[in-house]
Amino acid sequence: MHTKLFAKETNPRNVESFNHDVEFWRDMEKTSIKNALSSRNEGAAKLQTLVSWLWGITTGSSLVGVAYKLASGGANPEWNTANILIGVSSILLVTTYWLCVRAQFPIELSFADPDNPEGLAKIREQFESALKIKNRWLHWAVFVSAAATLSVSLSLLLHFADK
C-alpha cells in the first residue's frame, strides 16, 4: 500500500509513474544488497570503537575507585561487588572486542555460474548464509557490549556508594 505522501507519484493508473516507482524500488533493493555485508562490517567497527572508549572508562574508574578507597581509610582494597564488576567488565569488553573483530572477518563464498538458474539460487543461498553469520557475530557483540556497559555503570555506582 502506498502512503498519501507517495500517492501522487505512485498512482497505478499512471503507467509512467508506476514504472518509475518499480525502478526506484529495484534500485533500492540492489543498493541494499550491495551494502548488506559492508554495513555489518561498519556497524561492528563502530561498536569496536565504543568498546575501546568503554575500556578507557573501565580502567580509569578502577584506578579512581581504588584511589578513593585507599584515601578514605581502606588500606587494602577488598574483594567486593564493585571490584568484581570491574573485573567482569574487563572480561566482557575484551570478549566484545573479539566479537566485533570476528564479525568483520570476510566470509568465504564460492560463486556458481550466474547464467544458470541453479547457479543464481546457489549464489543467493551463500550470500544469505554469509549475512546470517555476520548478523550472529554482530548480535552477540551488541549483547555482550550491553552487559559490559551495565557492568561498568554498576561498578562505578558501587565504588562511590560503598564506604
C-alpha atoms as a PDB file:
ATOM      1  CA  MET A   1       0.000   0.000   0.000  1.00  0.00           C
ATOM      2  CA  HIS A   2       1.202   3.453  -0.764  1.00  0.00           C
ATOM      3  CA  THR A   3       1.031   6.259   1.712  1.00  0.00           C
ATOM      4  CA  LYS A   4      -0.537   9.590   0.897  1.00  0.00           C
ATOM      5  CA  LEU A   5       2.949  11.047   0.679  1.00  0.00           C
ATOM      6  CA  PHE A   6       3.669   8.963  -2.412  1.00  0.00           C
ATOM      7  CA  ALA A   7       0.090   8.680  -3.687  1.00  0.00           C
ATOM      8  CA  LYS A   8       0.557  11.251  -6.430  1.00  0.00           C
ATOM      9  CA  GLU A   9       3.769   9.702  -7.760  1.00  0.00           C
ATOM     10  CA  THR A  10       2.785   6.048  -7.450  1.00  0.00           C
ATOM     11  CA  ASN A  11      -0.767   6.014  -8.731  1.00  0.00           C
ATOM     12  CA  PRO A  12      -1.007   2.628 -10.539  1.00  0.00           C
ATOM     13  CA  ARG A  13      -3.317   4.171 -13.138  1.00  0.00           C
ATOM     14  CA  ASN A  14      -0.442   6.304 -14.342  1.00  0.00           C
ATOM     15  CA  VAL A  15       1.822   3.712 -16.025  1.00  0.00           C
ATOM     16  CA  GLU A  16       4.809   6.033 -16.340  1.00  0.00           C
ATOM     17  CA  SER A  17       4.762   6.843 -12.621  1.00  0.00           C
ATOM     18  CA  PHE A  18       4.261   3.195 -11.760  1.00  0.00           C
ATOM     19  CA  ASN A  19       7.241   2.099 -13.880  1.00  0.00           C
ATOM     20  CA  HIS A  20       9.349   4.813 -12.284  1.00  0.00           C
ATOM     21  CA  ASP A  21       8.281   3.549  -8.851  1.00  0.00           C
ATOM     22  CA  VAL A  22       9.220  -0.049  -9.715  1.00  0.00           C
ATOM     23  CA  GLU A  23      12.614   1.074 -11.000  1.00  0.00           C
ATOM     24  CA  PHE A  24      13.165   3.107  -7.837  1.00  0.00           C
ATOM     25  CA  TRP A  25      12.480   0.114  -5.576  1.00  0.00           C
ATOM     26  CA  ARG A  26      14.596  -2.205  -7.723  1.00  0.00           C
ATOM     27  CA  ASP A  27      17.480   0.266  -7.449  1.00  0.00           C
ATOM     28  CA  MET A  28      16.853   0.460  -3.698  1.00  0.00           C
ATOM     29  CA  GLU A  29      16.956  -3.332  -3.481  1.00  0.00           C
ATOM     30  CA  LYS A  30      20.209  -3.512  -5.462  1.00  0.00           C
ATOM     31  CA  THR A  31      21.798  -0.900  -3.222  1.00  0.00           C
ATOM     32  CA  SER A  32      20.656  -2.736  -0.092  1.00  0.00           C
ATOM     33  CA  ILE A  33      22.109  -5.997  -1.335  1.00  0.00           C
ATOM     34  CA  LYS A  34      25.395  -4.366  -2.359  1.00  0.00           C
ATOM     35  CA  ASN A  35      25.745  -2.707   1.051  1.00  0.00           C
ATOM     36  CA  ALA A  36      24.485  -5.601   3.164  1.00  0.00           C
ATOM     37  CA  LEU A  37      27.876  -7.050   4.097  1.00  0.00           C
ATOM     38  CA  SER A  38      29.738  -3.740   4.309  1.00  0.00           C
ATOM     39  CA  SER A  39      27.068  -2.197   6.563  1.00  0.00           C
ATOM     40  CA  ARG A  40      27.532  -5.036   9.046  1.00  0.00           C
ATOM     41  CA  ASN A  41      31.287  -4.519   8.943  1.00  0.00           C
ATOM     42  CA  GLU A  42      30.819  -0.792   9.545  1.00  0.00           C
ATOM     43  CA  GLY A  43      28.460  -1.489  12.443  1.00  0.00           C
ATOM     44  CA  ALA A  44      30.968  -3.864  14.020  1.00  0.00           C
ATOM     45  CA  ALA A  45      33.752  -1.288  13.573  1.00  0.00           C
ATOM     46  CA  LYS A  46      31.651   1.394  15.309  1.00  0.00           C
ATOM     47  CA  LEU A  47      30.879  -0.952  18.175  1.00  0.00           C
ATOM     48  CA  GLN A  48      34.584  -1.775  18.366  1.00  0.00           C
ATOM     49  CA  THR A  49      35.307   1.955  18.782  1.00  0.00           C
ATOM     50  CA  LEU A  50      32.707   2.158  21.566  1.00  0.00           C
ATOM     51  CA  VAL A  51      34.336  -0.794  23.314  1.00  0.00           C
ATOM     52  CA  SER A  52      37.718   0.956  23.165  1.00  0.00           C
ATOM     53  CA  TRP A  53      36.128   4.029  24.729  1.00  0.00           C
ATOM     54  CA  LEU A  54      34.472   1.923  27.447  1.00  0.00           C
ATOM     55  CA  TRP A  55      37.787   0.207  28.121  1.00  0.00           C
ATOM     56  CA  GLY A  56      39.278   3.612  28.945  1.00  0.00           C
ATOM     57  CA  ILE A  57      36.382   4.338  31.311  1.00  0.00           C
ATOM     58  CA  THR A  58      36.765   0.950  32.980  1.00  0.00           C
ATOM     59  CA  THR A  59      40.482   1.413  33.514  1.00  0.00           C
ATOM     60  CA  GLY A  60      40.061   4.980  34.735  1.00  0.00           C
ATOM     61  CA  SER A  61      37.166   4.124  37.037  1.00  0.00           C
ATOM     62  CA  SER A  62      39.013   1.215  38.596  1.00  0.00           C
ATOM     63  CA  LEU A  63      42.027   3.439  39.306  1.00  0.00           C
ATOM     64  CA  VAL A  64      39.841   6.197  40.731  1.00  0.00           C
ATOM     65  CA  GLY A  65      37.832   3.672  42.761  1.00  0.00           C
ATOM     66  CA  VAL A  66      40.922   2.089  44.287  1.00  0.00           C
ATOM     67  CA  ALA A  67      42.461   5.520  44.998  1.00  0.00           C
ATOM     68  CA  TYR A  68      39.192   6.637  46.612  1.00  0.00           C
ATOM     69  CA  LYS A  69      39.087   3.529  48.808  1.00  0.00           C
ATOM     70  CA  LEU A  70      42.704   3.991  49.872  1.00  0.00           C
ATOM     71  CA  ALA A  71      42.191   7.708  50.559  1.00  0.00           C
ATOM     72  CA  SER A  72      39.092   7.043  52.660  1.00  0.00           C
ATOM     73  CA  GLY A  73      40.941   4.738  55.037  1.00  0.00           C
ATOM     74  CA  GLY A  74      40.881   1.367  53.345  1.00  0.00           C
ATOM     75  CA  ALA A  75      44.454   0.041  53.442  1.00  0.00           C
ATOM     76  CA  ASN A  76      43.733  -2.974  51.258  1.00  0.00           C
ATOM     77  CA  PRO A  77      41.073  -2.888  48.606  1.00  0.00           C
ATOM     78  CA  GLU A  78      38.974  -5.962  49.388  1.00  0.00           C
ATOM     79  CA  TRP A  79      37.019  -8.173  47.053  1.00  0.00           C
ATOM     80  CA  ASN A  80      33.645  -6.519  46.954  1.00  0.00           C
ATOM     81  CA  THR A  81      30.882  -6.313  44.382  1.00  0.00           C
ATOM     82  CA  ALA A  82      32.296  -3.173  42.772  1.00  0.00           C
ATOM     83  CA  ASN A  83      35.749  -4.703  42.286  1.00  0.00           C
ATOM     84  CA  ILE A  84      34.271  -7.939  40.959  1.00  0.00           C
ATOM     85  CA  LEU A  85      32.126  -5.960  38.479  1.00  0.00           C
ATOM     86  CA  ILE A  86      35.227  -4.119  37.237  1.00  0.00           C
ATOM     87  CA  GLY A  87      36.866  -7.489  36.574  1.00  0.00           C
ATOM     88  CA  VAL A  88      33.726  -8.794  34.861  1.00  0.00           C
ATOM     89  CA  SER A  89      33.562  -5.591  32.800  1.00  0.00           C
ATOM     90  CA  SER A  90      37.099  -6.127  31.587  1.00  0.00           C
ATOM     91  CA  ILE A  91      36.352  -9.689  30.525  1.00  0.00           C
ATOM     92  CA  LEU A  92      33.138  -8.635  28.781  1.00  0.00           C
ATOM     93  CA  LEU A  93      34.852  -5.763  26.962  1.00  0.00           C
ATOM     94  CA  VAL A  94      37.665  -7.983  25.699  1.00  0.00           C
ATOM     95  CA  THR A  95      35.058 -10.530  24.566  1.00  0.00           C
ATOM     96  CA  THR A  96      33.044  -7.816  22.819  1.00  0.00           C
ATOM     97  CA  TYR A  97      36.138  -6.509  21.064  1.00  0.00           C
ATOM     98  CA  TRP A  98      36.924 -10.002  19.820  1.00  0.00           C
ATOM     99  CA  LEU A  99      33.317 -10.492  18.645  1.00  0.00           C
ATOM    100  CA  CYS A 100      33.491  -7.182  16.742  1.00  0.00           C
ATOM    101  CA  VAL A 101      36.707  -8.209  15.036  1.00  0.00           C
ATOM    102  CA  ARG A 102      35.226 -11.612  14.242  1.00  0.00           C
ATOM    103  CA  ALA A 103      32.101 -10.015  12.764  1.00  0.00           C
ATOM    104  CA  GLN A 104      34.318  -8.108  10.336  1.00  0.00           C
ATOM    105  CA  PHE A 105      36.117 -11.196   9.033  1.00  0.00           C
ATOM    106  CA  PRO A 106      35.380 -11.861   5.389  1.00  0.00           C
ATOM    107  CA  ILE A 107      33.060 -14.760   4.668  1.00  0.00           C
ATOM    108  CA  GLU A 108      34.384 -17.131   2.032  1.00  0.00           C
ATOM    109  CA  LEU A 109      31.942 -17.538  -0.822  1.00  0.00           C
ATOM    110  CA  SER A 110      32.209 -19.703  -3.917  1.00  0.00           C
ATOM    111  CA  PHE A 111      30.121 -18.350  -6.729  1.00  0.00           C
ATOM    112  CA  ALA A 112      28.414 -20.507  -9.300  1.00  0.00           C
ATOM    113  CA  ASP A 113      27.518 -19.643 -12.871  1.00  0.00           C
ATOM    114  CA  PRO A 114      25.127 -16.667 -12.698  1.00  0.00           C
ATOM    115  CA  ASP A 115      23.699 -17.500 -16.146  1.00  0.00           C
ATOM    116  CA  ASN A 116      22.327 -20.758 -14.809  1.00  0.00           C
ATOM    117  CA  PRO A 117      19.126 -20.526 -12.660  1.00  0.00           C
ATOM    118  CA  GLU A 118      20.538 -23.124 -10.258  1.00  0.00           C
ATOM    119  CA  GLY A 119      23.730 -21.096 -10.046  1.00  0.00           C
ATOM    120  CA  LEU A 120      21.758 -17.961  -9.171  1.00  0.00           C
ATOM    121  CA  ALA A 121      19.950 -19.852  -6.422  1.00  0.00           C
ATOM    122  CA  LYS A 122      23.289 -21.080  -5.032  1.00  0.00           C
ATOM    123  CA  ILE A 123      24.754 -17.557  -5.100  1.00  0.00           C
ATOM    124  CA  ARG A 124      21.720 -16.211  -3.252  1.00  0.00           C
ATOM    125  CA  GLU A 125      21.855 -19.029  -0.707  1.00  0.00           C
ATOM    126  CA  GLN A 126      25.545 -18.415   0.029  1.00  0.00           C
ATOM    127  CA  PHE A 127      25.024 -14.663   0.265  1.00  0.00           C
ATOM    128  CA  GLU A 128      22.143 -15.104   2.716  1.00  0.00           C
ATOM    129  CA  SER A 129      24.233 -17.568   4.705  1.00  0.00           C
ATOM    130  CA  ALA A 130      27.078 -15.038   4.906  1.00  0.00           C
ATOM    131  CA  LEU A 131      24.657 -12.366   6.137  1.00  0.00           C
ATOM    132  CA  LYS A 132      23.318 -14.712   8.810  1.00  0.00           C
ATOM    133  CA  ILE A 133      26.839 -15.488  10.015  1.00  0.00           C
ATOM    134  CA  LYS A 134      27.780 -11.805  10.207  1.00  0.00           C
ATOM    135  CA  ASN A 135      24.483 -10.975  11.897  1.00  0.00           C
ATOM    136  CA  ARG A 136      25.044 -13.668  14.513  1.00  0.00           C
ATOM    137  CA  TRP A 137      28.513 -12.369  15.410  1.00  0.00           C
ATOM    138  CA  LEU A 138      27.291  -8.772  15.446  1.00  0.00           C
ATOM    139  CA  HIS A 139      24.241  -9.551  17.591  1.00  0.00           C
ATOM    140  CA  TRP A 140      26.428 -11.344  20.139  1.00  0.00           C
ATOM    141  CA  ALA A 141      28.798  -8.381  20.162  1.00  0.00           C
ATOM    142  CA  VAL A 142      25.915  -5.977  20.827  1.00  0.00           C
ATOM    143  CA  PHE A 143      24.535  -8.197  23.596  1.00  0.00           C
ATOM    144  CA  VAL A 144      27.893  -8.616  25.342  1.00  0.00           C
ATOM    145  CA  SER A 145      28.679  -4.890  24.984  1.00  0.00           C
ATOM    146  CA  ALA A 146      25.344  -4.058  26.636  1.00  0.00           C
ATOM    147  CA  ALA A 147      26.248  -6.363  29.526  1.00  0.00           C
ATOM    148  CA  ALA A 148      29.690  -4.737  29.737  1.00  0.00           C
ATOM    149  CA  THR A 149      28.177  -1.245  29.749  1.00  0.00           C
ATOM    150  CA  LEU A 150      25.811  -2.241  32.551  1.00  0.00           C
ATOM    151  CA  SER A 151      28.677  -3.795  34.488  1.00  0.00           C
ATOM    152  CA  VAL A 152      30.865  -0.686  34.112  1.00  0.00           C
ATOM    153  CA  SER A 153      27.989   1.567  35.201  1.00  0.00           C
ATOM    154  CA  LEU A 154      27.120  -0.544  38.233  1.00  0.00           C
ATOM    155  CA  SER A 155      30.748  -0.808  39.309  1.00  0.00           C
ATOM    156  CA  LEU A 156      31.105   2.983  39.145  1.00  0.00           C
ATOM    157  CA  LEU A 157      27.972   3.442  41.240  1.00  0.00           C
ATOM    158  CA  LEU A 158      29.058   0.857  43.778  1.00  0.00           C
ATOM    159  CA  HIS A 159      32.603   2.209  44.058  1.00  0.00           C
ATOM    160  CA  PHE A 160      31.366   5.598  45.126  1.00  0.00           C
ATOM    161  CA  ALA A 161      28.278   4.493  47.063  1.00  0.00           C
ATOM    162  CA  ASP A 162      30.133   1.943  49.233  1.00  0.00           C
ATOM    163  CA  LYS A 163      32.183   3.435  52.055  1.00  0.00           C
END
